[in-house]
Amino acid sequence: MKNLRLIRIILSLIFLICAVAYLLISPAFRTFTQVAEKTQIILSALSTTMGVTIVWVILTLLLGRVYCSTVCPIGTLQDLVIWLRRKAGGRRHPLRYSYRSAGKMRYQVLIIYIGCLIIGVMAIPYWLSPWNMMRNICCIANPTAVQTTWLTLGMGVTAGMAAGVVSAGLIIACALFTGRGYCTDICPIGTALGLIDNFALYHIEIDPETCVNCMKCEEVCKSQCVKVVGRYVDNSRCVRCFDCMSVCPNNAIRMQINRNRPRNPLLQKSTTHANIP
């Protein structure tokens, strides 16, 4: 399971580097870095082919929200902020999370997002979708990164730079105080993938037979979707970072097809007494 986490980290860093290089470095390098743009869901969904979107829907139905943990640049940016905060806290002030119930705001944001796309009000989608947020953030250093976009909306580059400052502040604040809170509570792409994730073939499960209540998986979960009490994982919010599986000492939390059934204490007691001579 630790290999899955390592692969995820390597892929996410590669795509983040490609995204930043694509948006900031000379266009001469874009031939090698445009893979970051070509793999984004919203750009494919707004095109005529929708090939990439279909691929991500299939992958989400198989594995869950792997898009959020590998390709999404905003997701990786949050992971970096979380990693820095964890390093800054050290052993004296370790970063620990706890389970948090899912809110309804994410569905409201998704409805507004889809409504704006349908009626053609593109300013709000340009503020909310992960790839456009990354472009706005890069606009702070390279205004030409979003010049065409904001001119199309009838606004100047200044609006793009302002959007970048707001986007960067929002992402950093969410990462510092809520972990992957933007991904679980605001991001419309994440919410849509979460709805698909409910039907995924593989999901994260806690084995009630081997879990020893060490709480490590819950404390490390950046999406705050793991609840050791009750052996519950909200897979619709899980971004498949695999951090929980890497810290479990008993391999009690893992990706699997079948659902675990909680152990019945009465049945266990009856079985124990039946074995006493």
Protein backbone atom coordinates (compact mmCIF):
# COMPACT_ATOMS: atom_id res chain seq x y z
CA MET A 1 0.00 0.00 0.00
CA LYS A 2 2.92 2.32 0.63
CA ASN A 3 3.90 1.86 -3.02
CA LEU A 4 0.54 3.29 -4.07
CA ARG A 5 1.21 6.40 -2.01
CA LEU A 6 4.71 6.80 -3.46
CA ILE A 7 3.41 6.44 -7.03
CA ARG A 8 0.68 8.96 -6.30
CA ILE A 9 3.18 11.51 -4.92
CA ILE A 10 5.53 11.12 -7.91
CA LEU A 11 2.69 11.52 -10.43
CA SER A 12 1.25 14.55 -8.64
CA LEU A 13 4.62 16.33 -8.54
CA ILE A 14 5.26 15.59 -12.23
CA PHE A 15 1.90 17.03 -13.25
CA LEU A 16 2.30 20.06 -10.98
CA ILE A 17 5.73 20.82 -12.45
CA CYS A 18 4.32 20.41 -15.96
CA ALA A 19 1.40 22.71 -15.14
CA VAL A 20 3.62 25.46 -13.72
CA ALA A 21 6.09 25.13 -16.59
CA TYR A 22 3.27 25.25 -19.14
CA LEU A 23 1.86 28.44 -17.64
CA LEU A 24 5.04 30.28 -16.70
CA ILE A 25 7.92 29.22 -18.93
CA SER A 26 8.51 30.17 -22.55
CA PRO A 27 6.03 28.72 -25.09
CA ALA A 28 8.96 26.81 -26.58
CA PHE A 29 8.64 24.35 -23.67
CA ARG A 30 4.90 23.86 -24.02
CA THR A 31 5.30 20.90 -26.35
CA PHE A 32 6.70 18.90 -23.45
CA THR A 33 4.48 20.25 -20.70
CA GLN A 34 1.07 20.53 -22.36
CA VAL A 35 0.20 17.10 -20.96
CA ALA A 36 -0.79 18.97 -17.79
CA GLU A 37 -3.48 20.85 -19.69
CA LYS A 38 -4.56 17.91 -21.86
CA THR A 39 -5.40 15.79 -18.82
CA GLN A 40 -7.74 18.30 -17.17
CA ILE A 41 -11.41 17.35 -16.91
CA ILE A 42 -13.08 20.72 -17.40
CA LEU A 43 -11.09 21.56 -20.54
CA SER A 44 -12.09 18.27 -22.11
CA ALA A 45 -15.72 18.63 -21.01
CA LEU A 46 -15.95 22.00 -22.75
CA SER A 47 -14.42 20.66 -25.97
CA THR A 48 -16.14 18.72 -28.74
CA THR A 49 -14.46 15.37 -28.05
CA MET A 50 -14.77 14.99 -24.25
CA GLY A 51 -12.35 12.06 -24.50
CA VAL A 52 -10.36 12.92 -21.39
CA THR A 53 -13.52 13.48 -19.36
CA ILE A 54 -14.84 10.05 -20.33
CA VAL A 55 -11.52 8.47 -19.31
CA TRP A 56 -11.65 10.16 -15.90
CA VAL A 57 -15.26 9.08 -15.37
CA ILE A 58 -14.22 5.47 -16.06
CA LEU A 59 -11.19 5.72 -13.76
CA THR A 60 -13.34 7.23 -11.01
CA LEU A 61 -15.85 4.40 -11.37
CA LEU A 62 -12.98 1.96 -10.95
CA LEU A 63 -10.68 3.58 -8.38
CA GLY A 64 -12.41 6.66 -6.98
CA ARG A 65 -11.11 10.24 -7.02
CA VAL A 66 -7.60 9.53 -8.29
CA TYR A 67 -7.83 12.68 -10.43
CA CYS A 68 -7.81 14.76 -7.26
CA SER A 69 -4.65 13.11 -5.93
CA THR A 70 -2.56 12.93 -9.11
CA VAL A 71 -3.41 15.33 -11.93
CA CYS A 72 -5.19 18.23 -10.24
CA PRO A 73 -2.60 21.00 -9.67
CA ILE A 74 -4.65 22.68 -6.96
CA GLY A 75 -4.85 19.41 -5.05
CA THR A 76 -1.07 18.99 -5.17
CA LEU A 77 -0.59 22.63 -4.18
CA GLN A 78 -2.68 22.01 -1.07
CA ASP A 79 -0.64 18.89 -0.29
CA LEU A 80 2.54 20.97 -0.39
CA VAL A 81 1.09 23.55 2.00
CA ILE A 82 -0.04 20.76 4.34
CA TRP A 83 3.42 19.16 4.17
CA LEU A 84 5.08 22.48 5.04
CA ARG A 85 2.70 23.01 7.94
CA ARG A 86 3.44 19.51 9.23
CA LYS A 87 7.19 20.17 9.02
CA ALA A 88 6.81 23.50 10.78
CA GLY A 89 4.85 21.91 13.62
CA GLY A 90 7.45 19.21 14.19
CA ARG A 91 7.06 16.74 17.04
CA ARG A 92 5.96 19.31 19.57
CA HIS A 93 2.96 20.43 17.56
CA PRO A 94 2.10 17.52 15.25
CA LEU A 95 -0.61 18.08 12.67
CA ARG A 96 -3.59 15.87 13.45
CA TYR A 97 -6.98 15.75 11.80
CA SER A 98 -10.27 14.30 12.97
CA TYR A 99 -13.42 13.19 11.23
CA ARG A 100 -15.72 15.97 10.08
CA SER A 101 -19.25 15.47 8.79
CA ALA A 102 -19.85 16.35 5.16
CA GLY A 103 -21.48 19.70 4.43
CA LYS A 104 -24.10 20.53 1.83
CA MET A 105 -22.39 23.64 0.48
CA ARG A 106 -20.43 21.56 -2.06
CA TYR A 107 -23.66 20.58 -3.82
CA GLN A 108 -24.84 24.17 -3.90
CA VAL A 109 -21.54 25.27 -5.44
CA LEU A 110 -21.81 22.48 -8.03
CA ILE A 111 -25.33 23.57 -9.01
CA ILE A 112 -24.22 27.19 -9.38
CA TYR A 113 -21.17 26.06 -11.38
CA ILE A 114 -23.23 23.95 -13.81
CA GLY A 115 -25.84 26.68 -14.10
CA CYS A 116 -23.19 29.24 -15.06
CA LEU A 117 -21.77 26.91 -17.69
CA ILE A 118 -25.24 26.37 -19.19
CA ILE A 119 -26.19 30.03 -19.40
CA GLY A 120 -22.72 31.10 -20.48
CA VAL A 121 -21.67 33.10 -17.42
CA MET A 122 -18.03 31.99 -17.53
CA ALA A 123 -16.52 34.34 -14.95
CA ILE A 124 -17.57 32.14 -12.00
CA PRO A 125 -16.24 28.89 -13.56
CA TYR A 126 -12.95 30.69 -14.24
CA TRP A 127 -12.74 31.38 -10.51
CA LEU A 128 -13.70 27.91 -9.28
CA SER A 129 -12.36 25.13 -11.52
CA PRO A 130 -8.92 23.81 -10.45
CA TRP A 131 -7.09 24.36 -13.75
CA ASN A 132 -8.36 27.92 -14.12
CA MET A 133 -7.46 28.64 -10.50
CA MET A 134 -3.93 27.45 -11.23
CA ARG A 135 -3.78 29.70 -14.27
CA ASN A 136 -4.94 32.64 -12.19
CA ILE A 137 -2.30 31.93 -9.53
CA CYS A 138 0.42 31.71 -12.19
CA CYS A 139 -0.92 34.98 -13.62
CA ILE A 140 0.55 36.74 -10.58
CA ALA A 141 4.04 35.98 -11.94
CA ASN A 142 3.14 35.83 -15.62
CA PRO A 143 0.11 37.99 -16.56
CA THR A 144 0.12 36.68 -20.13
CA ALA A 145 -0.87 33.24 -18.81
CA VAL A 146 -4.53 34.29 -18.65
CA GLN A 147 -4.52 37.42 -20.74
CA THR A 148 -6.61 35.93 -23.54
CA THR A 149 -9.12 34.40 -21.13
CA TRP A 150 -9.91 37.56 -19.24
CA LEU A 151 -9.97 39.68 -22.38
CA THR A 152 -12.57 37.29 -23.76
CA LEU A 153 -14.66 37.94 -20.66
CA GLY A 154 -14.37 41.66 -21.26
CA MET A 155 -11.92 42.21 -18.42
CA GLY A 156 -8.28 43.13 -18.30
CA VAL A 157 -5.23 41.28 -17.06
CA THR A 158 -5.61 43.09 -13.74
CA ALA A 159 -8.77 41.09 -13.10
CA GLY A 160 -6.83 37.90 -13.74
CA MET A 161 -4.09 38.90 -11.34
CA ALA A 162 -6.67 39.81 -8.70
CA ALA A 163 -8.29 36.43 -9.22
CA GLY A 164 -4.90 34.83 -8.77
CA VAL A 165 -4.29 36.55 -5.43
CA VAL A 166 -7.73 35.56 -4.17
CA SER A 167 -7.30 31.98 -5.43
CA ALA A 168 -3.88 31.62 -3.82
CA GLY A 169 -5.16 33.02 -0.52
CA LEU A 170 -8.19 30.71 -0.56
CA ILE A 171 -6.15 27.60 -1.31
CA ILE A 172 -3.49 28.36 1.31
CA ALA A 173 -6.11 29.17 3.96
CA CYS A 174 -8.07 25.99 3.22
CA ALA A 175 -4.92 23.87 3.30
CA LEU A 176 -3.70 25.38 6.58
CA PHE A 177 -6.96 25.11 8.48
CA THR A 178 -9.02 22.38 6.79
CA GLY A 179 -6.52 20.14 4.95
CA ARG A 180 -8.11 19.27 1.63
CA GLY A 181 -11.12 21.36 2.57
CA TYR A 182 -11.32 23.07 -0.80
CA CYS A 183 -11.49 19.69 -2.52
CA THR A 184 -14.20 18.33 -0.22
CA ASP A 185 -16.34 21.42 0.44
CA ILE A 186 -16.00 23.80 -2.53
CA CYS A 187 -14.46 22.37 -5.69
CA PRO A 188 -17.25 21.56 -8.19
CA ILE A 189 -15.08 19.06 -10.05
CA GLY A 190 -14.30 17.25 -6.81
CA THR A 191 -17.98 17.18 -5.84
CA ALA A 192 -18.98 15.77 -9.23
CA LEU A 193 -16.31 13.08 -8.98
CA GLY A 194 -17.46 12.36 -5.43
CA LEU A 195 -20.96 11.60 -6.72
CA ILE A 196 -19.46 9.16 -9.22
CA ASP A 197 -17.22 7.73 -6.49
CA ASN A 198 -20.32 6.46 -4.69
CA PHE A 199 -20.53 3.81 -7.41
CA ALA A 200 -16.80 3.06 -7.63
CA LEU A 201 -15.66 -0.55 -7.84
CA TYR A 202 -12.77 -0.05 -5.40
CA HIS A 203 -13.22 1.91 -2.20
CA ILE A 204 -11.42 2.49 1.09
CA GLU A 205 -12.61 0.22 3.89
CA ILE A 206 -11.64 -0.30 7.53
CA ASP A 207 -11.48 -3.93 8.57
CA PRO A 208 -13.24 -4.21 11.97
CA GLU A 209 -11.46 -7.47 12.67
CA THR A 210 -7.93 -6.06 12.52
CA CYS A 211 -8.42 -2.38 13.46
CA VAL A 212 -6.96 -1.64 16.92
CA ASN A 213 -8.31 1.92 17.29
CA CYS A 214 -4.87 3.52 17.09
CA MET A 215 -6.52 6.49 15.31
CA LYS A 216 -3.52 7.00 13.02
CA CYS A 217 -5.59 6.79 9.82
CA GLU A 218 -8.11 9.34 11.06
CA GLU A 219 -5.44 11.74 12.31
CA VAL A 220 -3.57 11.73 8.99
CA CYS A 221 -6.63 12.01 6.72
CA LYS A 222 -6.44 15.40 4.97
CA SER A 223 -10.02 15.06 3.72
CA GLN A 224 -11.23 14.36 7.27
CA CYS A 225 -13.42 11.59 5.93
CA VAL A 226 -12.14 8.67 8.05
CA LYS A 227 -14.02 7.84 11.25
CA VAL A 228 -12.40 5.05 13.24
CA VAL A 229 -15.36 4.86 15.62
CA GLY A 230 -17.86 2.98 13.53
CA ARG A 231 -15.16 1.95 11.00
CA TYR A 232 -16.52 4.45 8.48
CA VAL A 233 -14.89 6.10 5.45
CA ASP A 234 -16.77 8.70 3.40
CA ASN A 235 -15.45 7.67 0.00
CA SER A 236 -17.22 10.52 -1.77
CA ARG A 237 -14.78 12.91 -0.06
CA CYS A 238 -11.73 10.64 -0.13
CA VAL A 239 -9.14 11.97 -2.60
CA ARG A 240 -7.18 8.71 -2.68
CA CYS A 241 -3.97 10.10 -1.19
CA PHE A 242 -3.37 6.70 0.48
CA ASP A 243 -1.86 8.40 3.55
CA CYS A 244 -4.20 6.45 5.82
CA MET A 245 -3.09 3.09 4.45
CA SER A 246 0.59 3.96 4.76
CA VAL A 247 0.36 4.70 8.51
CA CYS A 248 -1.84 1.77 9.54
CA PRO A 249 0.26 -0.71 11.55
CA ASN A 250 -2.07 -3.65 10.88
CA ASN A 251 -3.09 -3.04 7.26
CA ALA A 252 -6.61 -2.62 8.58
CA ILE A 253 -7.55 0.14 6.14
CA ARG A 254 -7.18 -0.63 2.45
CA MET A 255 -8.65 -0.42 -1.02
CA GLN A 256 -10.92 -3.31 -1.86
CA ILE A 257 -13.99 -4.33 -3.81
CA ASN A 258 -16.14 -5.90 -1.11
CA ARG A 259 -17.67 -4.02 1.79
CA ASN A 260 -16.68 -4.92 5.33
CA ARG A 261 -19.41 -5.80 7.76
CA PRO A 262 -19.01 -4.63 11.36
CA ARG A 263 -18.35 -7.42 13.79
CA ASN A 264 -21.46 -8.37 15.75
CA PRO A 265 -20.51 -8.27 19.47
CA LEU A 266 -23.40 -10.62 20.42
CA LEU A 267 -22.36 -13.17 17.82
CA GLN A 268 -18.74 -12.93 18.97
CA LYS A 269 -19.79 -13.47 22.59
CA SER A 270 -21.90 -16.50 21.68
CA THR A 271 -19.02 -17.98 19.68
CA THR A 272 -16.60 -17.44 22.55
CA HIS A 273 -18.87 -19.21 25.07
CA ALA A 274 -19.48 -22.04 22.62
CA ASN A 275 -15.75 -22.75 22.50
CA ILE A 276 -15.40 -23.02 26.31
CA PRO A 277 -15.32 -26.71 27.39
